[in-house]
PDB file of N, CA and C in Angstrom:
ATOM      1  N   UNK A   1      -3.597   9.228  10.462  1.00  0.00           N
ATOM      2  CA  UNK A   1      -4.016   8.113  10.023  1.00  0.00           C
ATOM      3  C   UNK A   1      -2.608   7.500  10.096  1.00  0.00           C
ATOM      4  N   UNK A   2      -2.013   6.693  10.157  1.00  0.00           N
ATOM      5  CA  UNK A   2      -0.505   5.628  10.248  1.00  0.00           C
ATOM      6  C   UNK A   2      -0.594   5.536   9.306  1.00  0.00           C
ATOM      7  N   UNK A   3       1.066   5.267   8.841  1.00  0.00           N
ATOM      8  CA  UNK A   3       1.148   4.371   7.734  1.00  0.00           C
ATOM      9  C   UNK A   3       2.708   3.627   7.384  1.00  0.00           C
ATOM     10  N   UNK A   4       2.912   2.542   8.337  1.00  0.00           N
ATOM     11  CA  UNK A   4       4.028   1.773   8.736  1.00  0.00           C
ATOM     12  C   UNK A   4       4.714   0.877   7.905  1.00  0.00           C
ATOM     13  N   UNK A   5       6.203   0.395   7.943  1.00  0.00           N
ATOM     14  CA  UNK A   5       6.414  -0.832   7.681  1.00  0.00           C
ATOM     15  C   UNK A   5       7.160  -1.553   8.610  1.00  0.00           C
ATOM     16  N   UNK A   6       6.935  -2.721   8.450  1.00  0.00           N
ATOM     17  CA  UNK A   6       8.025  -3.441   9.323  1.00  0.00           C
ATOM     18  C   UNK A   6       8.182  -4.686   9.103  1.00  0.00           C
ATOM     19  N   UNK A   7       9.451  -4.594   9.508  1.00  0.00           N
ATOM     20  CA  UNK A   7      10.627  -6.061   9.216  1.00  0.00           C
ATOM     21  C   UNK A   7      10.615  -6.562   9.678  1.00  0.00           C
ATOM     22  N   UNK A   8       9.966  -8.174  10.640  1.00  0.00           N
ATOM     23  CA  UNK A   8      10.222  -8.315  11.640  1.00  0.00           C
ATOM     24  C   UNK A   8      10.959 -10.066  11.612  1.00  0.00           C
ATOM     25  N   UNK A   9      12.013 -10.044  13.215  1.00  0.00           N
ATOM     26  CA  UNK A   9      12.923 -10.940  12.985  1.00  0.00           C
ATOM     27  C   UNK A   9      12.609 -12.015  13.528  1.00  0.00           C
ATOM     28  N   UNK A  10      12.795 -13.555  14.048  1.00  0.00           N
ATOM     29  CA  UNK A  10      12.727 -14.535  15.646  1.00  0.00           C
ATOM     30  C   UNK A  10      12.264 -15.292  14.179  1.00  0.00           C
ATOM     31  N   UNK A  11      11.554 -15.857  15.423  1.00  0.00           N
ATOM     32  CA  UNK A  11      10.707 -17.339  15.036  1.00  0.00           C
ATOM     33  C   UNK A  11       9.654 -16.875  14.541  1.00  0.00           C
ATOM     34  N   UNK A  12       9.297 -16.667  13.254  1.00  0.00           N
ATOM     35  CA  UNK A  12       8.199 -15.670  12.596  1.00  0.00           C
ATOM     36  C   UNK A  12       7.662 -16.656  11.441  1.00  0.00           C
ATOM     37  N   UNK A  13       8.503 -17.815  11.182  1.00  0.00           N
ATOM     38  CA  UNK A  13       7.655 -18.272   9.828  1.00  0.00           C
ATOM     39  C   UNK A  13       7.629 -19.625  10.181  1.00  0.00           C
ATOM     40  N   UNK A  14       6.766 -20.498   9.545  1.00  0.00           N
ATOM     41  CA  UNK A  14       6.559 -21.619   9.990  1.00  0.00           C
ATOM     42  C   UNK A  14       5.294 -22.006  11.324  1.00  0.00           C
ATOM     43  N   UNK A  15       4.973 -20.720  11.805  1.00  0.00           N
ATOM     44  CA  UNK A  15       4.163 -20.883  13.117  1.00  0.00           C
ATOM     45  C   UNK A  15       2.757 -20.390  13.260  1.00  0.00           C
ATOM     46  N   UNK A  16       2.480 -19.539  11.979  1.00  0.00           N
ATOM     47  CA  UNK A  16       1.339 -18.673  11.891  1.00  0.00           C
ATOM     48  C   UNK A  16       1.307 -17.724  12.121  1.00  0.00           C
ATOM     49  N   UNK A  17       2.718 -16.811  11.762  1.00  0.00           N
ATOM     50  CA  UNK A  17       2.655 -15.646  12.812  1.00  0.00           C
ATOM     51  C   UNK A  17       1.824 -14.894  11.593  1.00  0.00           C
ATOM     52  N   UNK A  18       1.821 -15.134  10.066  1.00  0.00           N
ATOM     53  CA  UNK A  18       0.998 -14.549   9.002  1.00  0.00           C
ATOM     54  C   UNK A  18       0.247 -14.668   9.165  1.00  0.00           C
ATOM     55  N   UNK A  19      -0.873 -15.729   9.821  1.00  0.00           N
ATOM     56  CA  UNK A  19      -2.056 -15.395   9.717  1.00  0.00           C
ATOM     57  C   UNK A  19      -2.703 -14.841  11.229  1.00  0.00           C
ATOM     58  N   UNK A  20      -2.145 -14.940  12.031  1.00  0.00           N
ATOM     59  CA  UNK A  20      -2.612 -14.351  13.433  1.00  0.00           C
ATOM     60  C   UNK A  20      -1.927 -12.903  13.275  1.00  0.00           C
ATOM     61  N   UNK A  21      -1.050 -12.209  12.411  1.00  0.00           N
ATOM     62  CA  UNK A  21      -0.913 -11.141  12.549  1.00  0.00           C
ATOM     63  C   UNK A  21      -2.061 -10.278  11.216  1.00  0.00           C
ATOM     64  N   UNK A  22      -3.252 -11.206  10.551  1.00  0.00           N
ATOM     65  CA  UNK A  22      -4.078 -10.896   9.728  1.00  0.00           C
ATOM     66  C   UNK A  22      -5.182 -10.924  10.658  1.00  0.00           C
ATOM     67  N   UNK A  23      -5.555 -11.643  11.973  1.00  0.00           N
ATOM     68  CA  UNK A  23      -6.532 -12.150  12.740  1.00  0.00           C
ATOM     69  C   UNK A  23      -6.064 -10.660  14.056  1.00  0.00           C
ATOM     70  N   UNK A  24      -5.316 -10.085  14.219  1.00  0.00           N
ATOM     71  CA  UNK A  24      -4.671  -8.856  14.756  1.00  0.00           C
ATOM     72  C   UNK A  24      -5.170  -7.685  13.957  1.00  0.00           C
ATOM     73  N   UNK A  25      -5.020  -7.634  12.878  1.00  0.00           N
ATOM     74  CA  UNK A  25      -5.375  -6.613  11.843  1.00  0.00           C
ATOM     75  C   UNK A  25      -6.976  -6.184  11.608  1.00  0.00           C
ATOM     76  N   UNK A  26      -7.535  -7.596  11.750  1.00  0.00           N
ATOM     77  CA  UNK A  26      -8.832  -7.630  11.220  1.00  0.00           C
ATOM     78  C   UNK A  26      -9.295  -6.892  12.621  1.00  0.00           C
ATOM     79  N   UNK A  27      -9.175  -7.621  13.581  1.00  0.00           N
ATOM     80  CA  UNK A  27      -9.770  -6.937  14.811  1.00  0.00           C
ATOM     81  C   UNK A  27      -9.840  -5.550  15.134  1.00  0.00           C
ATOM     82  N   UNK A  28      -8.689  -5.107  15.109  1.00  0.00           N
ATOM     83  CA  UNK A  28      -8.090  -3.393  15.093  1.00  0.00           C
ATOM     84  C   UNK A  28      -8.739  -2.572  14.286  1.00  0.00           C
ATOM     85  N   UNK A  29      -9.072  -3.021  12.450  1.00  0.00           N
ATOM     86  CA  UNK A  29      -9.612  -2.338  11.521  1.00  0.00           C
ATOM     87  C   UNK A  29      -8.269  -1.557  10.766  1.00  0.00           C
ATOM     88  N   UNK A  30      -7.398  -2.468  10.828  1.00  0.00           N
ATOM     89  CA  UNK A  30      -5.732  -2.663  10.194  1.00  0.00           C
ATOM     90  C   UNK A  30      -5.574  -2.926   8.532  1.00  0.00           C
ATOM     91  N   UNK A  31      -5.422  -2.059   7.606  1.00  0.00           N
ATOM     92  CA  UNK A  31      -5.710  -2.544   6.118  1.00  0.00           C
ATOM     93  C   UNK A  31      -3.789  -2.721   6.059  1.00  0.00           C
ATOM     94  N   UNK A  32      -3.519  -3.890   5.032  1.00  0.00           N
ATOM     95  CA  UNK A  32      -2.316  -3.443   4.859  1.00  0.00           C
ATOM     96  C   UNK A  32      -1.645  -5.186   3.912  1.00  0.00           C
ATOM     97  N   UNK A  33      -0.465  -5.602   4.541  1.00  0.00           N
ATOM     98  CA  UNK A  33      -0.225  -6.928   3.897  1.00  0.00           C
ATOM     99  C   UNK A  33       0.867  -7.179   4.689  1.00  0.00           C
ATOM    100  N   UNK A  34       1.039  -8.926   4.903  1.00  0.00           N
ATOM    101  CA  UNK A  34       1.897  -9.417   5.484  1.00  0.00           C
ATOM    102  C   UNK A  34       2.475 -10.820   4.782  1.00  0.00           C
ATOM    103  N   UNK A  35       4.003 -10.934   4.817  1.00  0.00           N
ATOM    104  CA  UNK A  35       4.654 -11.612   3.893  1.00  0.00           C
ATOM    105  C   UNK A  35       6.066 -11.771   4.426  1.00  0.00           C
ATOM    106  N   UNK A  36       6.072 -13.449   3.513  1.00  0.00           N
ATOM    107  CA  UNK A  36       7.160 -14.352   4.425  1.00  0.00           C
ATOM    108  C   UNK A  36       8.297 -14.064   3.705  1.00  0.00           C
ATOM    109  N   UNK A  37       9.192 -13.324   4.105  1.00  0.00           N
ATOM    110  CA  UNK A  37      11.029 -13.049   3.147  1.00  0.00           C
ATOM    111  C   UNK A  37      11.822 -14.204   3.112  1.00  0.00           C
ATOM    112  N   UNK A  38      12.581 -14.025   2.192  1.00  0.00           N
ATOM    113  CA  UNK A  38      13.379 -15.146   1.924  1.00  0.00           C
ATOM    114  C   UNK A  38      14.478 -15.263   3.061  1.00  0.00           C
ATOM    115  N   UNK A  39      15.241 -14.254   4.010  1.00  0.00           N
ATOM    116  CA  UNK A  39      15.685 -14.263   4.833  1.00  0.00           C
ATOM    117  C   UNK A  39      15.442 -15.297   6.289  1.00  0.00           C
ATOM    118  N   UNK A  40      14.080 -15.525   6.040  1.00  0.00           N
ATOM    119  CA  UNK A  40      12.739 -15.850   7.191  1.00  0.00           C
ATOM    120  C   UNK A  40      12.795 -14.921   8.550  1.00  0.00           C
ATOM    121  N   UNK A  41      12.570 -13.996   7.684  1.00  0.00           N
ATOM    122  CA  UNK A  41      11.993 -12.762   8.717  1.00  0.00           C
ATOM    123  C   UNK A  41      10.652 -12.450   8.006  1.00  0.00           C
ATOM    124  N   UNK A  42       9.753 -11.348   8.389  1.00  0.00           N
ATOM    125  CA  UNK A  42       8.518 -11.220   7.724  1.00  0.00           C
ATOM    126  C   UNK A  42       7.808  -9.828   7.280  1.00  0.00           C
ATOM    127  N   UNK A  43       8.070  -9.044   6.088  1.00  0.00           N
ATOM    128  CA  UNK A  43       7.807  -8.072   6.144  1.00  0.00           C
ATOM    129  C   UNK A  43       6.205  -7.402   6.284  1.00  0.00           C
ATOM    130  N   UNK A  44       6.141  -6.340   6.396  1.00  0.00           N
ATOM    131  CA  UNK A  44       4.330  -5.886   6.961  1.00  0.00           C
ATOM    132  C   UNK A  44       4.064  -4.586   6.813  1.00  0.00           C
ATOM    133  N   UNK A  45       3.541  -4.612   5.567  1.00  0.00           N
ATOM    134  CA  UNK A  45       2.829  -3.381   5.383  1.00  0.00           C
ATOM    135  C   UNK A  45       1.475  -2.682   5.768  1.00  0.00           C
ATOM    136  N   UNK A  46       1.796  -1.566   7.376  1.00  0.00           N
ATOM    137  CA  UNK A  46       0.249  -0.920   7.325  1.00  0.00           C
ATOM    138  C   UNK A  46      -0.490  -0.514   7.487  1.00  0.00           C
ATOM    139  N   UNK A  47      -1.659   0.026   7.721  1.00  0.00           N
ATOM    140  CA  UNK A  47      -2.662   1.396   7.626  1.00  0.00           C
ATOM    141  C   UNK A  47      -2.997   1.039   8.857  1.00  0.00           C
ATOM    142  N   UNK A  48      -3.587   2.596   9.250  1.00  0.00           N
ATOM    143  CA  UNK A  48      -4.916   2.745  10.265  1.00  0.00           C
ATOM    144  C   UNK A  48      -4.444   3.898  11.334  1.00  0.00           C
ATOM    145  N   UNK A  49      -5.814   4.047  12.046  1.00  0.00           N
ATOM    146  CA  UNK A  49      -5.648   5.215  13.174  1.00  0.00           C
ATOM    147  C   UNK A  49      -4.549   5.191  13.723  1.00  0.00           C
ATOM    148  N   UNK A  50      -3.941   6.493  14.940  1.00  0.00           N
ATOM    149  CA  UNK A  50      -3.030   6.033  15.240  1.00  0.00           C
ATOM    150  C   UNK A  50      -2.973   5.405  16.486  1.00  0.00           C
ATOM    151  N   UNK A  51      -4.323   5.433  17.104  1.00  0.00           N
ATOM    152  CA  UNK A  51      -4.321   4.616  18.897  1.00  0.00           C
ATOM    153  C   UNK A  51      -4.401   3.077  17.810  1.00  0.00           C
ATOM    154  N   UNK A  52      -5.407   2.816  17.232  1.00  0.00           N
ATOM    155  CA  UNK A  52      -5.414   1.407  16.783  1.00  0.00           C
ATOM    156  C   UNK A  52      -4.233   0.525  15.790  1.00  0.00           C
ATOM    157  N   UNK A  53      -2.878   1.456  15.490  1.00  0.00           N
ATOM    158  CA  UNK A  53      -1.725   1.174  14.553  1.00  0.00           C
ATOM    159  C   UNK A  53      -0.360   0.794  16.133  1.00  0.00           C
ATOM    160  N   UNK A  54      -1.078   1.875  16.846  1.00  0.00           N
ATOM    161  CA  UNK A  54      -0.069   1.981  18.319  1.00  0.00           C
ATOM    162  C   UNK A  54      -0.086   0.340  18.851  1.00  0.00           C
ATOM    163  N   UNK A  55      -1.704  -0.315  19.241  1.00  0.00           N
ATOM    164  CA  UNK A  55      -1.865  -1.244  19.979  1.00  0.00           C
ATOM    165  C   UNK A  55      -1.358  -2.583  18.684  1.00  0.00           C
ATOM    166  N   UNK A  56      -1.307  -2.164  17.431  1.00  0.00           N
ATOM    167  CA  UNK A  56      -1.178  -3.640  16.239  1.00  0.00           C
ATOM    168  C   UNK A  56       0.881  -4.207  16.287  1.00  0.00           C
ATOM    169  N   UNK A  57       0.843  -2.994  16.886  1.00  0.00           N
ATOM    170  CA  UNK A  57       2.549  -2.335  16.662  1.00  0.00           C
ATOM    171  C   UNK A  57       2.811  -3.355  18.019  1.00  0.00           C
ATOM    172  N   UNK A  58       2.200  -3.094  18.959  1.00  0.00           N
ATOM    173  CA  UNK A  58       2.733  -3.961  20.373  1.00  0.00           C
ATOM    174  C   UNK A  58       1.829  -5.457  19.857  1.00  0.00           C
ATOM    175  N   UNK A  59       0.943  -5.223  19.718  1.00  0.00           N
ATOM    176  CA  UNK A  59       1.061  -6.882  18.692  1.00  0.00           C
ATOM    177  C   UNK A  59       1.799  -7.700  18.787  1.00  0.00           C
ATOM    178  N   UNK A  60       2.244  -7.482  17.351  1.00  0.00           N
ATOM    179  CA  UNK A  60       3.450  -7.644  16.569  1.00  0.00           C
ATOM    180  C   UNK A  60       4.808  -8.398  17.448  1.00  0.00           C
ATOM    181  N   UNK A  61       4.649  -7.265  17.825  1.00  0.00           N
ATOM    182  CA  UNK A  61       6.124  -6.755  18.727  1.00  0.00           C
ATOM    183  C   UNK A  61       6.312  -8.583  19.869  1.00  0.00           C
ATOM    184  N   UNK A  62       4.637  -8.440  20.197  1.00  0.00           N
ATOM    185  CA  UNK A  62       4.408  -9.345  21.036  1.00  0.00           C
ATOM    186  C   UNK A  62       4.601 -10.838  20.850  1.00  0.00           C
ATOM    187  N   UNK A  63       4.048 -11.014  19.505  1.00  0.00           N
ATOM    188  CA  UNK A  63       4.508 -12.350  18.266  1.00  0.00           C
ATOM    189  C   UNK A  63       2.908 -12.352  18.604  1.00  0.00           C
ATOM    190  N   UNK A  64       1.767 -12.156  17.810  1.00  0.00           N
ATOM    191  CA  UNK A  64       0.283 -12.634  17.489  1.00  0.00           C
ATOM    192  C   UNK A  64       0.018 -14.058  17.130  1.00  0.00           C
ATOM    193  N   UNK A  65       1.276 -15.114  16.935  1.00  0.00           N
ATOM    194  CA  UNK A  65       1.372 -16.429  17.150  1.00  0.00           C
ATOM    195  C   UNK A  65       2.020 -16.912  18.301  1.00  0.00           C
ATOM    196  N   UNK A  66       1.220 -17.766  19.133  1.00  0.00           N
ATOM    197  CA  UNK A  66       1.657 -18.135  20.429  1.00  0.00           C
ATOM    198  C   UNK A  66       2.967 -19.541  20.748  1.00  0.00           C
ATOM    199  N   UNK A  67       3.392 -19.870  19.244  1.00  0.00           N
ATOM    200  CA  UNK A  67       4.455 -20.495  19.063  1.00  0.00           C
ATOM    201  C   UNK A  67       5.854 -19.863  18.458  1.00  0.00           C
ATOM    202  N   UNK A  68       5.328 -18.786  17.926  1.00  0.00           N
ATOM    203  CA  UNK A  68       6.364 -17.548  17.896  1.00  0.00           C
ATOM    204  C   UNK A  68       6.875 -16.384  18.746  1.00  0.00           C
ATOM    205  N   UNK A  69       8.101 -16.403  17.780  1.00  0.00           N
ATOM    206  CA  UNK A  69       8.506 -15.474  19.163  1.00  0.00           C
ATOM    207  C   UNK A  69       9.609 -14.032  18.414  1.00  0.00           C
ATOM    208  N   UNK A  70       9.410 -13.001  18.684  1.00  0.00           N
ATOM    209  CA  UNK A  70      10.071 -11.804  17.934  1.00  0.00           C
ATOM    210  C   UNK A  70      11.209 -11.442  18.600  1.00  0.00           C
ATOM    211  N   UNK A  71      12.206 -10.860  17.836  1.00  0.00           N
ATOM    212  CA  UNK A  71      13.796 -10.674  18.208  1.00  0.00           C
ATOM    213  C   UNK A  71      13.858  -9.342  18.392  1.00  0.00           C
ATOM    214  N   UNK A  72      12.942  -8.786  16.813  1.00  0.00           N
ATOM    215  CA  UNK A  72      13.884  -7.430  16.732  1.00  0.00           C
ATOM    216  C   UNK A  72      12.465  -7.655  15.595  1.00  0.00           C
ATOM    217  N   UNK A  73      12.210  -5.868  15.481  1.00  0.00           N
ATOM    218  CA  UNK A  73      11.279  -5.167  14.672  1.00  0.00           C
ATOM    219  C   UNK A  73      11.927  -4.140  14.027  1.00  0.00           C
ATOM    220  N   UNK A  74      12.111  -4.048  13.150  1.00  0.00           N
ATOM    221  CA  UNK A  74      12.591  -2.418  11.975  1.00  0.00           C
ATOM    222  C   UNK A  74      11.080  -1.796  11.616  1.00  0.00           C
ATOM    223  N   UNK A  75      10.878  -0.811  12.568  1.00  0.00           N
ATOM    224  CA  UNK A  75       9.806  -0.287  12.059  1.00  0.00           C
ATOM    225  C   UNK A  75      10.572   1.468  11.845  1.00  0.00           C
ATOM    226  N   UNK A  76       9.009   1.435  10.506  1.00  0.00           N
ATOM    227  CA  UNK A  76       9.457   2.863   9.834  1.00  0.00           C
ATOM    228  C   UNK A  76       8.625   3.468   9.201  1.00  0.00           C
ATOM    229  N   UNK A  77       8.164   4.425   9.754  1.00  0.00           N
ATOM    230  CA  UNK A  77       6.974   4.811   9.015  1.00  0.00           C
ATOM    231  C   UNK A  77       6.767   5.412   7.465  1.00  0.00           C
ATOM    232  N   UNK A  78       6.184   5.860   7.090  1.00  0.00           N
ATOM    233  CA  UNK A  78       5.949   5.563   5.503  1.00  0.00           C
ATOM    234  C   UNK A  78       4.976   6.145   4.979  1.00  0.00           C
ATOM    235  N   UNK A  79       4.977   7.351   4.938  1.00  0.00           N
ATOM    236  CA  UNK A  79       3.097   8.530   5.036  1.00  0.00           C
ATOM    237  C   UNK A  79       2.780   7.703   3.085  1.00  0.00           C
ATOM    238  N   UNK A  80       4.218   7.596   2.140  1.00  0.00           N
ATOM    239  CA  UNK A  80       3.914   7.528   1.029  1.00  0.00           C
ATOM    240  C   UNK A  80       2.924   6.224   0.239  1.00  0.00           C
ATOM    241  N   UNK A  81       3.270   5.190   1.541  1.00  0.00           N
ATOM    242  CA  UNK A  81       2.377   3.484   1.448  1.00  0.00           C
ATOM    243  C   UNK A  81       1.156   4.089   0.881  1.00  0.00           C
ATOM    244  N   UNK A  82       1.042   2.386   0.203  1.00  0.00           N
ATOM    245  CA  UNK A  82      -0.260   2.649  -0.076  1.00  0.00           C
ATOM    246  C   UNK A  82      -1.371   2.437   1.362  1.00  0.00           C
ATOM    247  N   UNK A  83      -2.715   3.099   0.364  1.00  0.00           N
ATOM    248  CA  UNK A  83      -3.763   2.708   1.535  1.00  0.00           C
ATOM    249  C   UNK A  83      -4.615   1.487   0.771  1.00  0.00           C
ATOM    250  N   UNK A  84      -4.249   0.405   1.416  1.00  0.00           N
ATOM    251  CA  UNK A  84      -5.053  -0.779   1.307  1.00  0.00           C
ATOM    252  C   UNK A  84      -6.404  -1.014   2.300  1.00  0.00           C
ATOM    253  N   UNK A  85      -6.856  -1.491   0.940  1.00  0.00           N
ATOM    254  CA  UNK A  85      -9.000  -1.604   1.802  1.00  0.00           C
ATOM    255  C   UNK A  85      -9.128  -2.732   2.607  1.00  0.00           C
ATOM    256  N   UNK A  86      -8.298  -3.898   2.923  1.00  0.00           N
ATOM    257  CA  UNK A  86      -8.327  -4.518   3.909  1.00  0.00           C
ATOM    258  C   UNK A  86      -6.524  -5.578   4.354  1.00  0.00           C
ATOM    259  N   UNK A  87      -6.723  -6.495   4.882  1.00  0.00           N
ATOM    260  CA  UNK A  87      -5.036  -6.718   5.137  1.00  0.00           C
ATOM    261  C   UNK A  87      -5.376  -8.583   4.399  1.00  0.00           C
ATOM    262  N   UNK A  88      -3.735  -8.568   3.726  1.00  0.00           N
ATOM    263  CA  UNK A  88      -4.460 -10.104   3.392  1.00  0.00           C
ATOM    264  C   UNK A  88      -2.598 -10.835   3.025  1.00  0.00           C
ATOM    265  N   UNK A  89      -2.680 -11.439   3.555  1.00  0.00           N
ATOM    266  CA  UNK A  89      -1.098 -12.323   3.818  1.00  0.00           C
ATOM    267  C   UNK A  89      -1.067 -13.243   2.448  1.00  0.00           C
ATOM    268  N   UNK A  90       0.035 -12.789   1.851  1.00  0.00           N
ATOM    269  CA  UNK A  90       0.733 -12.874   0.398  1.00  0.00           C
ATOM    270  C   UNK A  90       1.802 -13.558   0.691  1.00  0.00           C
ATOM    271  N   UNK A  91       2.464 -14.543   0.023  1.00  0.00           N
ATOM    272  CA  UNK A  91       3.383 -15.386  -0.766  1.00  0.00           C
ATOM    273  C   UNK A  91       3.342 -16.500   0.369  1.00  0.00           C
TER     274      UNK A  91
END
């Protein structure tokens, strides 16, 4: 199992990015959270199998929202991250 934190920058707020990220996570069986940050970025905490996480990370990098555009992703593995039971959109 892999646990990651991501901070996603680009056109990621106001374009349905969080909700499309949740749909991708639900489809792949990824648990975690996604939230908007005050600086215009989006933060994601995600937990899942190595294979599914690799696909989820690629979908985030490609922007799950057709109107969104990702310019940078700060990705960090964090084995101490909470193990969520589902994927939630917050704030």
